[in-house]
Amino acid sequence: PGQPVPQDLADHISEGGLMFALNSRFDRLAWNAKMPDYGFPPLALEQVLDVAAQNRASLLPSGLQQASMAMRLPKKPKLGKDMMKIYATAGNDVVIPYDRADKDFDAFVMYGIHDTRVTGKLLSRTRPLSRDEWIDFIISEDINDRGIEIDVEFCEAAAALFNDEKEANKLECQELTNGEVQNVTFAKGLALWVRANINNEELADMIVTARDEDDNPTNFSLDSKKVLPRLLEAASRADPPIPANVQQLLELLVHARSSSALKFRQMANHAIDARRYGSFIFGGAGQTRRFSSTGPQMHNMPRAHVEHEGEAMADICNGMTAAELRDKYGIPISKLLAMLVRPSITAAEGKTLVWGDWSAIEARILAWISGSRSAQKLSLIH
């Protein structure tokens, strides 16, 4: 503080020159919130190269420490790292001593210089984003800055209903298993209990997912995507029928363990002025480098929908009970809530929300990547 603004830096920014940062969105927004007060020009979105995105494009970790270790760059100085934790969590009532004579603050400054140098080395040693990648990155950051409008009132009501339903599912699980399994989240206990009580050797074997060299079962599962649907389908043909409490428990598990409704609490907690900012991470998915999300996963929401979704959302906001909702819509509460995750993302007044998705895009582009003419023809047909 008090030092003059370096004129060459100010001119570079004013003329649209490029800057770099590990997390360009964080640094850009922090810069624009504070630095103009000290005479620095603001930064435009397209002026700041994102080194974390470039790391991911080069199949490296996003984080500075992990990426620098992978590239065998110098480690962070420990004292500076400790000071960063103190200053970052101290709160507004702590005055940071801007005094280079203070050894702790000096370590803090050197820590910042070290991080900047390492970030610069990563920038120069990793693959630059292509023009198309850079355009995609800028578009995603523009969306992150504008935010996604969330129906916070509905999310709060849905989250409360989900919590009530979780407790009801827990009690029903205890009742159906005579207290032997305490919750629908106890995966191994549920699998073992169903296997012991299903009274059908063939169905019981469907729960076994691994055996040792002597053919003894070593692993059991009621996986909601693979085992449970097949087990219920086979149970529907069983003669004699499986015990009623086992059947009811299996049906309960179909929706009671769904994680989709957890998004309501996450969306409500992360919303600022009814908008969710900074959701999208360019190239964030580990192996595929597709987009990912922070907080609630915005790319993985159930597509199934309720016919009268607006009415259902209003019913939940107006406090309709779980029993009343089940009677009216004829489906379990967990399933109803999962169908209402997408509609909780709304369009601003006067705007229309549209969405689209590629159909089996990975399989389709593989035909062209492999150069298979027959596969290309097949992809075009289907």
Protein backbone atom coordinates (compact mmCIF):
# COMPACT_ATOMS: atom_id res chain seq x y z
CA PRO A 1 0.00 0.00 0.00
CA GLY A 2 1.15 3.49 -0.82
CA GLN A 3 3.44 2.41 -3.63
CA PRO A 4 2.76 3.87 -7.12
CA VAL A 5 1.07 1.72 -9.76
CA PRO A 6 3.73 0.37 -12.18
CA GLN A 7 2.92 2.29 -15.36
CA ASP A 8 4.06 -0.49 -17.69
CA LEU A 9 1.71 -2.95 -15.96
CA ALA A 10 -1.20 -0.50 -16.06
CA ASP A 11 -0.58 0.16 -19.77
CA HIS A 12 -0.33 -3.58 -20.49
CA ILE A 13 -3.73 -4.24 -18.90
CA SER A 14 -5.39 -1.15 -20.38
CA GLU A 15 -4.26 -2.20 -23.87
CA GLY A 16 -5.80 -5.67 -23.46
CA GLY A 17 -2.56 -7.50 -22.72
CA LEU A 18 -2.74 -11.05 -21.38
CA MET A 19 -2.19 -12.00 -17.73
CA PHE A 20 -2.04 -15.47 -16.20
CA ALA A 21 -3.36 -16.99 -12.98
CA LEU A 22 -3.81 -20.48 -11.61
CA ASN A 23 -7.54 -19.95 -11.05
CA SER A 24 -8.34 -17.10 -13.40
CA ARG A 25 -11.91 -16.59 -12.19
CA PHE A 26 -10.93 -16.22 -8.53
CA ASP A 27 -7.97 -13.94 -9.25
CA ARG A 28 -9.83 -11.88 -11.85
CA LEU A 29 -12.83 -11.26 -9.58
CA ALA A 30 -10.60 -10.53 -6.57
CA TRP A 31 -8.50 -8.14 -8.69
CA ASN A 32 -11.56 -6.30 -10.04
CA ALA A 33 -13.10 -6.05 -6.56
CA LYS A 34 -10.05 -4.42 -4.93
CA MET A 35 -7.25 -3.37 -7.27
CA PRO A 36 -9.05 -0.51 -9.09
CA ASP A 37 -9.29 1.19 -5.66
CA TYR A 38 -5.49 1.41 -5.77
CA GLY A 39 -5.35 2.78 -9.31
CA PHE A 40 -5.02 -0.46 -11.31
CA PRO A 41 -7.17 -1.01 -14.42
CA PRO A 42 -9.82 -3.77 -14.25
CA LEU A 43 -9.25 -7.10 -16.02
CA ALA A 44 -11.52 -8.42 -18.77
CA LEU A 45 -12.49 -12.09 -18.73
CA GLU A 46 -10.59 -12.89 -21.94
CA GLN A 47 -7.39 -11.24 -20.65
CA VAL A 48 -6.53 -13.87 -18.04
CA LEU A 49 -5.08 -17.23 -19.04
CA ASP A 50 -6.19 -20.02 -16.71
CA VAL A 51 -3.22 -22.22 -15.80
CA ALA A 52 -5.38 -24.78 -13.99
CA ALA A 53 -7.40 -25.30 -17.18
CA GLN A 54 -4.17 -25.66 -19.15
CA ASN A 55 -2.93 -28.18 -16.56
CA ARG A 56 -6.07 -30.26 -17.07
CA ALA A 57 -5.74 -30.03 -20.84
CA SER A 58 -2.22 -31.45 -20.40
CA LEU A 59 -3.55 -34.31 -18.22
CA LEU A 60 -2.09 -32.81 -15.03
CA PRO A 61 -3.87 -32.10 -11.72
CA SER A 62 -5.50 -28.67 -11.42
CA GLY A 63 -3.93 -27.77 -8.10
CA LEU A 64 -0.63 -25.93 -8.01
CA GLN A 65 1.01 -28.21 -5.48
CA GLN A 66 0.00 -31.45 -7.19
CA ALA A 67 0.82 -30.18 -10.68
CA SER A 68 4.19 -28.80 -9.57
CA MET A 69 5.05 -32.14 -7.95
CA ALA A 70 4.15 -33.94 -11.18
CA MET A 71 6.43 -31.55 -13.11
CA ARG A 72 9.17 -31.76 -10.42
CA LEU A 73 9.03 -28.06 -9.66
CA PRO A 74 10.01 -26.54 -6.27
CA LYS A 75 7.72 -27.25 -3.30
CA LYS A 76 5.83 -24.58 -1.39
CA PRO A 77 7.77 -23.05 1.56
CA LYS A 78 6.15 -24.34 4.77
CA LEU A 79 6.19 -21.11 6.82
CA GLY A 80 4.58 -19.15 4.01
CA LYS A 81 1.93 -21.84 3.65
CA ASP A 82 1.18 -21.61 7.39
CA MET A 83 0.89 -17.82 7.16
CA MET A 84 -1.50 -18.14 4.21
CA LYS A 85 -3.81 -20.28 6.37
CA ILE A 86 -3.70 -17.68 9.15
CA TYR A 87 -4.37 -14.70 6.88
CA ALA A 88 -7.00 -16.50 4.79
CA THR A 89 -9.09 -17.56 7.82
CA ALA A 90 -8.40 -14.69 10.23
CA GLY A 91 -11.50 -12.63 9.51
CA ASN A 92 -11.98 -8.90 9.01
CA ASP A 93 -10.90 -7.96 12.54
CA VAL A 94 -7.27 -9.06 11.98
CA VAL A 95 -4.88 -6.44 10.60
CA ILE A 96 -2.23 -7.90 8.30
CA PRO A 97 1.15 -6.25 9.01
CA TYR A 98 2.38 -4.84 5.69
CA ASP A 99 5.94 -4.79 6.99
CA ARG A 100 8.72 -6.62 5.20
CA ALA A 101 10.77 -6.38 8.41
CA ASP A 102 8.27 -8.75 10.04
CA LYS A 103 9.73 -12.21 9.37
CA ASP A 104 6.30 -13.87 9.25
CA PHE A 105 4.95 -11.38 6.74
CA ASP A 106 8.18 -11.62 4.76
CA ALA A 107 7.63 -15.41 4.55
CA PHE A 108 4.07 -14.73 3.39
CA VAL A 109 5.34 -12.43 0.61
CA MET A 110 7.96 -14.94 -0.50
CA TYR A 111 5.26 -17.62 -0.53
CA GLY A 112 3.25 -15.50 -2.98
CA ILE A 113 6.31 -14.88 -5.16
CA HIS A 114 7.09 -18.62 -5.17
CA ASP A 115 3.53 -19.52 -6.24
CA THR A 116 3.60 -16.94 -9.03
CA ARG A 117 6.90 -18.25 -10.38
CA VAL A 118 5.76 -21.88 -10.26
CA THR A 119 2.46 -20.94 -11.95
CA GLY A 120 4.45 -19.24 -14.70
CA LYS A 121 6.62 -22.33 -15.17
CA LEU A 122 3.51 -24.52 -15.46
CA LEU A 123 2.10 -22.11 -18.04
CA SER A 124 5.23 -22.42 -20.16
CA ARG A 125 5.60 -26.20 -19.78
CA THR A 126 2.03 -27.30 -20.49
CA ARG A 127 0.03 -27.39 -23.70
CA PRO A 128 -1.70 -24.08 -24.52
CA LEU A 129 -5.44 -24.32 -25.07
CA SER A 130 -6.42 -24.46 -28.71
CA ARG A 131 -8.51 -21.64 -30.15
CA ASP A 132 -11.70 -23.75 -29.86
CA GLU A 133 -10.84 -24.74 -26.29
CA TRP A 134 -10.14 -21.14 -25.38
CA ILE A 135 -13.51 -20.05 -26.82
CA ASP A 136 -15.29 -22.81 -24.85
CA PHE A 137 -13.44 -21.74 -21.70
CA ILE A 138 -14.46 -18.08 -22.11
CA ILE A 139 -18.10 -19.05 -22.73
CA SER A 140 -18.17 -21.24 -19.62
CA GLU A 141 -16.59 -18.49 -17.51
CA ASP A 142 -19.12 -15.99 -18.82
CA ILE A 143 -21.87 -18.35 -17.65
CA ASN A 144 -20.10 -18.71 -14.30
CA ASP A 145 -19.99 -14.92 -13.91
CA ARG A 146 -23.67 -14.48 -14.83
CA GLY A 147 -24.75 -17.40 -12.67
CA ILE A 148 -27.60 -19.89 -12.98
CA GLU A 149 -30.96 -18.84 -11.57
CA ILE A 150 -32.25 -21.17 -8.86
CA ASP A 151 -35.74 -21.45 -7.38
CA VAL A 152 -34.41 -21.15 -3.83
CA GLU A 153 -37.83 -21.25 -2.16
CA PHE A 154 -38.60 -24.58 -3.81
CA CYS A 155 -35.12 -25.98 -3.11
CA GLU A 156 -35.50 -25.17 0.60
CA ALA A 157 -38.94 -26.81 0.73
CA ALA A 158 -37.76 -29.86 -1.25
CA ALA A 159 -34.69 -30.27 0.98
CA ALA A 160 -36.88 -30.21 4.10
CA LEU A 161 -39.26 -32.77 2.57
CA PHE A 162 -36.30 -34.95 1.60
CA ASN A 163 -34.98 -34.88 5.18
CA ASP A 164 -38.40 -35.91 6.51
CA GLU A 165 -38.57 -38.71 3.93
CA LYS A 166 -35.07 -39.93 4.87
CA GLU A 167 -36.19 -40.32 8.46
CA ALA A 168 -39.37 -42.12 7.37
CA ASN A 169 -37.31 -44.48 5.16
CA LYS A 170 -34.98 -45.19 8.06
CA LEU A 171 -37.89 -46.15 10.33
CA GLU A 172 -39.50 -48.28 7.60
CA CYS A 173 -36.18 -50.10 7.06
CA GLN A 174 -35.97 -50.88 10.76
CA GLU A 175 -39.58 -52.13 10.80
CA LEU A 176 -39.20 -54.36 7.73
CA THR A 177 -35.97 -55.94 9.04
CA ASN A 178 -37.21 -56.26 12.63
CA GLY A 179 -34.51 -53.84 13.74
CA GLU A 180 -31.63 -55.88 12.28
CA VAL A 181 -30.70 -53.14 9.77
CA GLN A 182 -30.96 -49.58 11.01
CA ASN A 183 -30.91 -47.56 7.80
CA VAL A 184 -31.28 -47.84 4.01
CA THR A 185 -27.74 -46.44 3.74
CA PHE A 186 -26.16 -49.54 5.34
CA ALA A 187 -25.34 -51.22 2.03
CA LYS A 188 -23.50 -54.33 3.24
CA GLY A 189 -25.92 -54.99 6.10
CA LEU A 190 -28.90 -54.74 3.75
CA ALA A 191 -27.34 -57.12 1.21
CA LEU A 192 -26.56 -59.71 3.89
CA TRP A 193 -30.02 -59.40 5.45
CA VAL A 194 -31.84 -59.79 2.12
CA ARG A 195 -29.67 -62.78 1.20
CA ALA A 196 -30.46 -64.45 4.51
CA ASN A 197 -34.21 -63.77 4.37
CA ILE A 198 -35.20 -64.00 0.70
CA ASN A 199 -35.85 -67.77 0.97
CA ASN A 200 -34.77 -68.43 -2.61
CA GLU A 201 -31.30 -69.77 -3.30
CA GLU A 202 -31.20 -68.58 -6.90
CA LEU A 203 -32.19 -65.03 -5.93
CA ALA A 204 -29.82 -65.09 -2.97
CA ASP A 205 -26.93 -65.89 -5.32
CA MET A 206 -27.73 -62.79 -7.39
CA ILE A 207 -26.58 -60.69 -4.43
CA VAL A 208 -23.15 -62.35 -4.45
CA THR A 209 -20.72 -60.29 -6.53
CA ALA A 210 -17.42 -62.08 -5.74
CA ARG A 211 -16.23 -65.51 -4.60
CA ASP A 212 -12.90 -66.93 -3.44
CA GLU A 213 -11.02 -69.79 -5.08
CA ASP A 214 -13.13 -72.29 -3.11
CA ASP A 215 -16.33 -70.69 -4.46
CA ASN A 216 -17.23 -69.17 -1.10
CA PRO A 217 -19.05 -65.78 -1.32
CA THR A 218 -16.77 -62.88 -0.37
CA ASN A 219 -18.70 -59.83 -1.50
CA PHE A 220 -22.39 -58.91 -1.57
CA SER A 221 -24.25 -56.02 -3.18
CA LEU A 222 -27.68 -54.56 -3.78
CA ASP A 223 -26.34 -52.04 -6.26
CA SER A 224 -29.19 -49.76 -7.35
CA LYS A 225 -28.18 -49.75 -11.03
CA LYS A 226 -27.14 -53.35 -11.63
CA VAL A 227 -28.16 -55.85 -8.95
CA LEU A 228 -31.40 -54.41 -7.55
CA PRO A 229 -33.35 -54.05 -10.84
CA ARG A 230 -32.47 -57.60 -11.93
CA LEU A 231 -33.29 -58.96 -8.48
CA LEU A 232 -36.72 -57.31 -8.42
CA GLU A 233 -37.49 -58.52 -11.93
CA ALA A 234 -36.53 -62.10 -11.03
CA ALA A 235 -38.43 -61.87 -7.74
CA SER A 236 -41.61 -60.96 -9.63
CA ARG A 237 -41.49 -64.44 -11.26
CA ALA A 238 -40.49 -66.37 -8.11
CA ASP A 239 -42.68 -69.32 -7.12
CA PRO A 240 -43.36 -69.33 -4.25
CA PRO A 241 -43.20 -65.53 -3.87
CA ILE A 242 -40.47 -64.08 -1.68
CA PRO A 243 -41.50 -62.90 1.83
CA ALA A 244 -43.61 -59.73 1.76
CA ASN A 245 -41.26 -57.74 4.02
CA VAL A 246 -38.28 -58.57 1.75
CA GLN A 247 -40.27 -57.50 -1.31
CA GLN A 248 -41.26 -54.24 0.37
CA LEU A 249 -37.67 -53.56 1.42
CA LEU A 250 -36.37 -54.09 -2.12
CA GLU A 251 -39.02 -51.72 -3.48
CA LEU A 252 -38.11 -49.17 -0.80
CA LEU A 253 -34.43 -49.31 -1.78
CA VAL A 254 -35.16 -48.48 -5.44
CA HIS A 255 -35.69 -44.81 -4.60
CA ALA A 256 -34.74 -44.42 -0.95
CA ARG A 257 -31.01 -44.43 -1.74
CA SER A 258 -31.24 -41.92 -4.59
CA SER A 259 -28.74 -39.07 -4.22
CA SER A 260 -30.45 -36.78 -6.73
CA ALA A 261 -32.53 -35.00 -4.10
CA LEU A 262 -29.36 -34.08 -2.18
CA LYS A 263 -28.83 -31.41 -4.84
CA PHE A 264 -31.65 -29.30 -3.40
CA ARG A 265 -29.76 -28.51 -0.20
CA GLN A 266 -26.54 -27.91 -2.13
CA MET A 267 -28.23 -25.54 -4.58
CA ALA A 268 -29.97 -23.61 -1.82
CA ASN A 269 -26.78 -23.30 0.23
CA HIS A 270 -24.65 -22.17 -2.74
CA ALA A 271 -27.13 -19.62 -4.14
CA ILE A 272 -26.38 -15.90 -3.83
CA ASP A 273 -29.35 -13.66 -4.64
CA ALA A 274 -31.09 -16.74 -6.07
CA ARG A 275 -28.23 -17.50 -8.48
CA ARG A 276 -25.53 -20.18 -8.43
CA TYR A 277 -22.20 -18.74 -9.56
CA GLY A 278 -19.04 -20.52 -10.68
CA SER A 279 -20.65 -23.90 -11.32
CA PHE A 280 -18.75 -25.05 -14.40
CA ILE A 281 -15.18 -26.36 -14.47
CA PHE A 282 -13.63 -26.45 -17.93
CA GLY A 283 -12.08 -29.89 -18.56
CA GLY A 284 -12.78 -30.91 -14.96
CA ALA A 285 -13.72 -34.57 -15.57
CA GLY A 286 -10.71 -36.76 -14.85
CA GLN A 287 -10.11 -38.93 -17.92
CA THR A 288 -12.52 -37.51 -20.50
CA ARG A 289 -11.74 -33.82 -19.78
CA ARG A 290 -15.41 -32.98 -20.17
CA PHE A 291 -16.94 -30.18 -18.11
CA SER A 292 -17.61 -30.87 -14.44
CA SER A 293 -19.19 -28.84 -11.63
CA THR A 294 -18.48 -27.51 -8.21
CA GLY A 295 -21.16 -28.11 -5.59
CA PRO A 296 -24.21 -29.82 -7.09
CA GLN A 297 -23.28 -31.70 -10.27
CA MET A 298 -25.05 -29.65 -12.95
CA HIS A 299 -24.29 -32.16 -15.73
CA ASN A 300 -25.93 -35.14 -14.08
CA MET A 301 -29.58 -34.45 -13.36
CA PRO A 302 -32.42 -36.94 -13.89
CA ARG A 303 -34.24 -36.44 -17.17
CA ALA A 304 -37.52 -38.06 -16.13
CA HIS A 305 -40.15 -35.45 -15.40
CA VAL A 306 -43.49 -35.07 -13.67
CA GLU A 307 -46.36 -34.30 -16.02
CA HIS A 308 -47.56 -31.33 -13.95
CA GLU A 309 -44.21 -30.24 -12.51
CA GLY A 310 -45.27 -26.66 -11.78
CA GLU A 311 -48.20 -27.92 -9.73
CA ALA A 312 -46.00 -30.43 -7.90
CA MET A 313 -43.46 -27.72 -7.03
CA ALA A 314 -46.24 -25.48 -5.75
CA ASP A 315 -47.65 -28.33 -3.64
CA ILE A 316 -44.25 -28.89 -2.02
CA CYS A 317 -43.72 -25.16 -1.39
CA ASN A 318 -47.21 -24.96 0.16
CA GLY A 319 -46.33 -27.69 2.65
CA MET A 320 -48.26 -30.68 1.31
CA THR A 321 -47.30 -33.73 3.37
CA ALA A 322 -45.40 -36.71 2.02
CA ALA A 323 -48.49 -38.91 2.34
CA GLU A 324 -50.61 -36.40 0.41
CA LEU A 325 -47.97 -36.09 -2.31
CA ARG A 326 -47.73 -39.89 -2.66
CA ASP A 327 -51.50 -40.17 -2.98
CA LYS A 328 -51.72 -37.36 -5.54
CA TYR A 329 -48.79 -38.29 -7.79
CA GLY A 330 -48.68 -42.04 -7.20
CA ILE A 331 -44.90 -42.34 -6.86
CA PRO A 332 -42.40 -42.45 -3.96
CA ILE A 333 -41.28 -39.08 -2.62
CA SER A 334 -37.63 -39.69 -3.48
CA LYS A 335 -38.58 -40.36 -7.11
CA LEU A 336 -40.86 -37.30 -7.23
CA LEU A 337 -38.07 -35.09 -5.88
CA ALA A 338 -35.52 -36.53 -8.31
CA MET A 339 -37.86 -35.60 -11.18
CA LEU A 340 -38.02 -32.02 -9.91
CA VAL A 341 -34.28 -31.33 -9.73
CA ARG A 342 -34.07 -29.97 -13.30
CA PRO A 343 -37.13 -27.67 -12.96
CA SER A 344 -35.49 -26.04 -9.92
CA ILE A 345 -33.18 -24.29 -12.40
CA THR A 346 -35.25 -21.43 -13.76
CA ALA A 347 -35.14 -18.68 -16.37
CA ALA A 348 -35.19 -15.01 -15.40
CA GLU A 349 -38.38 -13.08 -16.09
CA GLY A 350 -38.77 -12.52 -19.82
CA LYS A 351 -36.25 -15.25 -20.65
CA THR A 352 -36.69 -18.83 -21.89
CA LEU A 353 -34.54 -21.70 -20.69
CA VAL A 354 -33.54 -24.21 -23.38
CA TRP A 355 -31.29 -27.24 -23.18
CA GLY A 356 -29.83 -29.86 -25.47
CA ASP A 357 -27.63 -32.90 -25.29
CA TRP A 358 -25.56 -34.96 -27.71
CA SER A 359 -26.80 -38.52 -28.15
CA ALA A 360 -24.07 -41.09 -27.39
CA ILE A 361 -21.45 -38.56 -28.48
CA GLU A 362 -18.44 -40.58 -27.28
CA ALA A 363 -19.42 -43.66 -29.30
CA ARG A 364 -20.16 -41.54 -32.35
CA ILE A 365 -16.89 -39.61 -32.51
CA LEU A 366 -14.94 -42.82 -31.87
CA ALA A 367 -15.89 -43.94 -35.38
CA TRP A 368 -14.09 -40.92 -36.86
CA ILE A 369 -11.15 -41.05 -34.46
CA SER A 370 -10.58 -44.71 -35.38
CA GLY A 371 -11.01 -44.04 -39.10
CA SER A 372 -13.53 -46.88 -39.48
CA ARG A 373 -15.71 -46.14 -42.52
CA SER A 374 -18.25 -48.83 -41.64
CA ALA A 375 -18.56 -47.46 -38.08
CA GLN A 376 -19.00 -43.95 -39.48
CA LYS A 377 -21.86 -45.12 -41.70
CA LEU A 378 -23.47 -46.92 -38.78
CA SER A 379 -23.21 -43.78 -36.61
CA LEU A 380 -24.83 -41.67 -39.29
CA ILE A 381 -27.69 -44.16 -39.70
CA HIS A 382 -28.42 -44.28 -35.97
